[in-house]
Every structure is written in C-alpha cells, then in structure tokens.
C-alpha cells in the first residue's frame, strides 16, 4: 500500500474510532507499525491528530445536540447523562485524561461539550490522553518496552 494510502486509512480509522461509531484504530496502527519502515513517529502523529479531531466532533455534538436531550429519539437517557454529568462535575476537566479509554472515553468528550468545557482546554487534555495511548501502542509494537 502506498504511504499516502496508509496515512489516509490510519487517519480515517483513528477519526472514526473517536466518534460514536465503533472502530479500532489501535489495531490499524499496530499493523502499520509492525510492517513499517521506520515511520513510526509519523504514524503515531497521524493517528493522534485523527483521533483528537474525532473527539472534537464529539465535543461539538455535545455542545449543540444537548438542547435536544429530552426528545424521545435522543440516544442517551437522562439517567445516563445525569450520571456522566455528576462524574464530570465531581472530578472536573481532568476526566478528559481518560478519553482514551474504551466505552467511557467517547461519552466523556460529549459530556464535555454539553457542559461547555472550553475548546482549547478540551483539545489540550484530549491530545495528551490520545497521544499517550498511541505512544503506548507504538512502544509495544516497535519493541521499545
């Protein structure tokens, strides 16, 4: 596969995995790193940028779709939202450092939008979390640890 196609595939996988769509970008990154030719840092950068941008989409979804929360078609029940808001309210913006985690990470980024976390702070914390995860995948796949 040409390098540009690899980067595009990785970016798309990372972007989608950060949104509400279920996707595994770590497996794509791992495979590219194992089969790679020394471009590990660039692959980690592409995955990180794609994943952070996907989380920014979640932030915007939370910011603007929160007004429809009471509607029957709204995908999140009020009890679930109240639980997430309580957790976010209790631990604050630092919960965004858990945005890399499966299952809870994506809802945290949506709640951050609903609760109007400032976008620059959001991007900083999510970038630290998501890049840290990809660095760990890189370290494992390249034998750094």
C-alpha atoms as a PDB file:
ATOM      1  CA  UNK A   1       0.000   0.000   0.000  1.00  0.00           C
ATOM      2  CA  UNK A   2       1.433   3.429  -0.878  1.00  0.00           C
ATOM      3  CA  UNK A   3       2.366   5.576   2.146  1.00  0.00           C
ATOM      4  CA  UNK A   4      -0.320   8.168   1.425  1.00  0.00           C
ATOM      5  CA  UNK A   5      -2.998   5.468   1.430  1.00  0.00           C
ATOM      6  CA  UNK A   6      -1.628   4.102   4.720  1.00  0.00           C
ATOM      7  CA  UNK A   7      -1.768   7.534   6.325  1.00  0.00           C
ATOM      8  CA  UNK A   8      -5.280   8.136   4.984  1.00  0.00           C
ATOM      9  CA  UNK A   9      -6.516   4.773   6.213  1.00  0.00           C
ATOM     10  CA  UNK A  10      -4.961   5.307   9.633  1.00  0.00           C
ATOM     11  CA  UNK A  11      -6.358   8.843   9.894  1.00  0.00           C
ATOM     12  CA  UNK A  12      -9.856   7.630   8.965  1.00  0.00           C
ATOM     13  CA  UNK A  13      -9.671   4.722  11.419  1.00  0.00           C
ATOM     14  CA  UNK A  14      -8.485   7.000  14.230  1.00  0.00           C
ATOM     15  CA  UNK A  15     -11.096   9.651  13.434  1.00  0.00           C
ATOM     16  CA  UNK A  16     -13.966   7.155  13.337  1.00  0.00           C
ATOM     17  CA  UNK A  17     -12.858   5.383  16.495  1.00  0.00           C
ATOM     18  CA  UNK A  18     -13.087   8.675  18.419  1.00  0.00           C
ATOM     19  CA  UNK A  19     -16.647   9.352  17.298  1.00  0.00           C
ATOM     20  CA  UNK A  20     -19.785   7.461  18.239  1.00  0.00           C
ATOM     21  CA  UNK A  21     -19.011   4.828  15.577  1.00  0.00           C
ATOM     22  CA  UNK A  22     -17.369   1.655  16.884  1.00  0.00           C
ATOM     23  CA  UNK A  23     -13.948   1.230  15.320  1.00  0.00           C
ATOM     24  CA  UNK A  24     -10.492   0.029  16.375  1.00  0.00           C
ATOM     25  CA  UNK A  25      -7.687   2.331  15.346  1.00  0.00           C
ATOM     26  CA  UNK A  26      -5.112   0.699  17.618  1.00  0.00           C
ATOM     27  CA  UNK A  27      -5.134  -2.483  15.526  1.00  0.00           C
ATOM     28  CA  UNK A  28      -4.593  -0.477  12.336  1.00  0.00           C
ATOM     29  CA  UNK A  29      -1.740   1.484  13.898  1.00  0.00           C
ATOM     30  CA  UNK A  30      -0.187  -1.661  15.362  1.00  0.00           C
ATOM     31  CA  UNK A  31      -0.260  -3.408  11.973  1.00  0.00           C
ATOM     32  CA  UNK A  32       1.255  -0.444  10.161  1.00  0.00           C
ATOM     33  CA  UNK A  33       3.965  -0.061  12.783  1.00  0.00           C
ATOM     34  CA  UNK A  34       4.915  -3.746  12.719  1.00  0.00           C
ATOM     35  CA  UNK A  35       5.030  -3.775   8.907  1.00  0.00           C
ATOM     36  CA  UNK A  36       6.517  -0.281   8.759  1.00  0.00           C
ATOM     37  CA  UNK A  37       9.748   1.116   7.522  1.00  0.00           C
ATOM     38  CA  UNK A  38      10.827   3.466  10.290  1.00  0.00           C
ATOM     39  CA  UNK A  39       7.959   5.944  10.011  1.00  0.00           C
ATOM     40  CA  UNK A  40       6.656   5.148  13.493  1.00  0.00           C
ATOM     41  CA  UNK A  41       6.594   8.701  14.795  1.00  0.00           C
ATOM     42  CA  UNK A  42       4.734   9.952  11.736  1.00  0.00           C
ATOM     43  CA  UNK A  43       2.154   7.156  12.012  1.00  0.00           C
ATOM     44  CA  UNK A  44       1.629   7.961  15.708  1.00  0.00           C
ATOM     45  CA  UNK A  45       1.213  11.639  14.817  1.00  0.00           C
ATOM     46  CA  UNK A  46      -1.366  10.883  12.096  1.00  0.00           C
ATOM     47  CA  UNK A  47      -3.331   8.596  14.422  1.00  0.00           C
ATOM     48  CA  UNK A  48      -3.245  11.180  17.216  1.00  0.00           C
ATOM     49  CA  UNK A  49      -4.436  14.032  15.005  1.00  0.00           C
ATOM     50  CA  UNK A  50      -7.250  11.929  13.552  1.00  0.00           C
ATOM     51  CA  UNK A  51      -8.371  10.743  16.968  1.00  0.00           C
ATOM     52  CA  UNK A  52      -8.304  14.203  18.532  1.00  0.00           C
ATOM     53  CA  UNK A  53     -10.292  15.649  15.627  1.00  0.00           C
ATOM     54  CA  UNK A  54     -12.873  12.880  16.071  1.00  0.00           C
ATOM     55  CA  UNK A  55     -13.138  13.858  19.738  1.00  0.00           C
ATOM     56  CA  UNK A  56     -13.651  17.489  18.728  1.00  0.00           C
ATOM     57  CA  UNK A  57     -16.623  16.291  16.650  1.00  0.00           C
ATOM     58  CA  UNK A  58     -17.985  14.682  19.836  1.00  0.00           C
ATOM     59  CA  UNK A  59     -17.452  17.945  21.723  1.00  0.00           C
ATOM     60  CA  UNK A  60     -19.471  19.800  19.085  1.00  0.00           C
ATOM     61  CA  UNK A  61     -22.164  17.119  19.162  1.00  0.00           C
ATOM     62  CA  UNK A  62     -22.447  17.568  22.914  1.00  0.00           C
ATOM     63  CA  UNK A  63     -22.409  21.326  22.609  1.00  0.00           C
ATOM     64  CA  UNK A  64     -25.192  21.577  20.062  1.00  0.00           C
ATOM     65  CA  UNK A  65     -27.229  18.390  20.434  1.00  0.00           C
ATOM     66  CA  UNK A  66     -27.577  18.776  24.205  1.00  0.00           C
ATOM     67  CA  UNK A  67     -30.563  21.017  23.634  1.00  0.00           C
ATOM     68  CA  UNK A  68     -32.482  18.023  22.264  1.00  0.00           C
ATOM     69  CA  UNK A  69     -31.849  15.912  25.347  1.00  0.00           C
ATOM     70  CA  UNK A  70     -35.489  15.494  26.373  1.00  0.00           C
ATOM     71  CA  UNK A  71     -36.629  14.200  22.995  1.00  0.00           C
ATOM     72  CA  UNK A  72     -37.679  10.581  22.637  1.00  0.00           C
ATOM     73  CA  UNK A  73     -35.202   9.929  19.799  1.00  0.00           C
ATOM     74  CA  UNK A  74     -32.234  11.298  21.758  1.00  0.00           C
ATOM     75  CA  UNK A  75     -29.686   8.436  22.048  1.00  0.00           C
ATOM     76  CA  UNK A  76     -28.727   8.997  25.704  1.00  0.00           C
ATOM     77  CA  UNK A  77     -31.184   8.522  28.543  1.00  0.00           C
ATOM     78  CA  UNK A  78     -31.493  11.280  31.144  1.00  0.00           C
ATOM     79  CA  UNK A  79     -30.210   8.958  33.883  1.00  0.00           C
ATOM     80  CA  UNK A  80     -27.077   8.166  31.885  1.00  0.00           C
ATOM     81  CA  UNK A  81     -26.470  11.827  31.175  1.00  0.00           C
ATOM     82  CA  UNK A  82     -27.001  12.762  34.823  1.00  0.00           C
ATOM     83  CA  UNK A  83     -24.500  10.105  35.901  1.00  0.00           C
ATOM     84  CA  UNK A  84     -21.903  11.333  33.403  1.00  0.00           C
ATOM     85  CA  UNK A  85     -22.514  14.970  34.352  1.00  0.00           C
ATOM     86  CA  UNK A  86     -22.148  14.095  38.037  1.00  0.00           C
ATOM     87  CA  UNK A  87     -18.891  12.289  37.420  1.00  0.00           C
ATOM     88  CA  UNK A  88     -17.594  15.131  35.269  1.00  0.00           C
ATOM     89  CA  UNK A  89     -18.763  17.679  37.817  1.00  0.00           C
ATOM     90  CA  UNK A  90     -17.102  15.802  40.654  1.00  0.00           C
ATOM     91  CA  UNK A  91     -13.733  15.217  39.007  1.00  0.00           C
ATOM     92  CA  UNK A  92     -13.768  18.111  36.554  1.00  0.00           C
ATOM     93  CA  UNK A  93     -11.969  18.519  33.301  1.00  0.00           C
ATOM     94  CA  UNK A  94      -9.262  16.084  34.403  1.00  0.00           C
ATOM     95  CA  UNK A  95     -11.620  13.242  33.490  1.00  0.00           C
ATOM     96  CA  UNK A  96     -10.735  14.080  29.888  1.00  0.00           C
ATOM     97  CA  UNK A  97      -7.402  12.374  30.533  1.00  0.00           C
ATOM     98  CA  UNK A  98      -9.481   9.181  30.454  1.00  0.00           C
ATOM     99  CA  UNK A  99     -10.820   9.975  26.987  1.00  0.00           C
ATOM    100  CA  UNK A 100      -8.511   7.317  25.515  1.00  0.00           C
ATOM    101  CA  UNK A 101     -10.382   4.534  27.324  1.00  0.00           C
ATOM    102  CA  UNK A 102     -12.849   2.287  25.548  1.00  0.00           C
ATOM    103  CA  UNK A 103     -16.530   2.643  26.496  1.00  0.00           C
ATOM    104  CA  UNK A 104     -16.176   5.725  28.732  1.00  0.00           C
ATOM    105  CA  UNK A 105     -13.881   7.916  26.634  1.00  0.00           C
ATOM    106  CA  UNK A 106     -16.299   8.936  23.890  1.00  0.00           C
ATOM    107  CA  UNK A 107     -19.170   9.801  26.264  1.00  0.00           C
ATOM    108  CA  UNK A 108     -16.772  11.931  28.311  1.00  0.00           C
ATOM    109  CA  UNK A 109     -15.929  14.004  25.262  1.00  0.00           C
ATOM    110  CA  UNK A 110     -19.622  14.502  24.504  1.00  0.00           C
ATOM    111  CA  UNK A 111     -20.374  15.490  28.108  1.00  0.00           C
ATOM    112  CA  UNK A 112     -17.514  17.986  27.963  1.00  0.00           C
ATOM    113  CA  UNK A 113     -19.316  19.650  25.070  1.00  0.00           C
ATOM    114  CA  UNK A 114     -22.671  19.590  26.849  1.00  0.00           C
ATOM    115  CA  UNK A 115     -21.085  21.196  29.924  1.00  0.00           C
ATOM    116  CA  UNK A 116     -19.301  23.749  27.719  1.00  0.00           C
ATOM    117  CA  UNK A 117     -15.723  22.881  28.562  1.00  0.00           C
ATOM    118  CA  UNK A 118     -13.567  25.498  26.788  1.00  0.00           C
ATOM    119  CA  UNK A 119     -12.374  24.049  23.492  1.00  0.00           C
ATOM    120  CA  UNK A 120      -8.642  24.896  23.949  1.00  0.00           C
ATOM    121  CA  UNK A 121      -8.549  23.134  27.342  1.00  0.00           C
ATOM    122  CA  UNK A 122     -10.507  20.223  25.873  1.00  0.00           C
ATOM    123  CA  UNK A 123      -8.079  19.855  22.966  1.00  0.00           C
ATOM    124  CA  UNK A 124      -5.031  20.001  25.229  1.00  0.00           C
ATOM    125  CA  UNK A 125      -6.247  17.314  27.652  1.00  0.00           C
ATOM    126  CA  UNK A 126      -7.636  15.033  24.951  1.00  0.00           C
ATOM    127  CA  UNK A 127      -4.418  15.353  22.929  1.00  0.00           C
ATOM    128  CA  UNK A 128      -2.355  14.296  25.946  1.00  0.00           C
ATOM    129  CA  UNK A 129      -4.605  11.295  26.563  1.00  0.00           C
ATOM    130  CA  UNK A 130      -4.960  10.106  22.983  1.00  0.00           C
ATOM    131  CA  UNK A 131      -1.305  10.622  22.049  1.00  0.00           C
ATOM    132  CA  UNK A 132      -0.249   8.806  25.203  1.00  0.00           C
ATOM    133  CA  UNK A 133      -2.311   5.796  24.176  1.00  0.00           C
ATOM    134  CA  UNK A 134      -0.808   5.746  20.685  1.00  0.00           C
ATOM    135  CA  UNK A 135       2.695   6.101  22.103  1.00  0.00           C
ATOM    136  CA  UNK A 136       1.993   3.030  24.241  1.00  0.00           C
ATOM    137  CA  UNK A 137       0.800   1.103  21.162  1.00  0.00           C
ATOM    138  CA  UNK A 138       3.927   2.254  19.338  1.00  0.00           C
ATOM    139  CA  UNK A 139       6.178   1.215  22.188  1.00  0.00           C
ATOM    140  CA  UNK A 140       4.623  -2.253  22.252  1.00  0.00           C
ATOM    141  CA  UNK A 141       4.644  -2.798  18.509  1.00  0.00           C
ATOM    142  CA  UNK A 142       8.171  -1.480  17.951  1.00  0.00           C
ATOM    143  CA  UNK A 143       9.648  -3.243  20.968  1.00  0.00           C
ATOM    144  CA  UNK A 144      10.516  -0.060  22.843  1.00  0.00           C
ATOM    145  CA  UNK A 145       9.281  -1.705  26.047  1.00  0.00           C
END
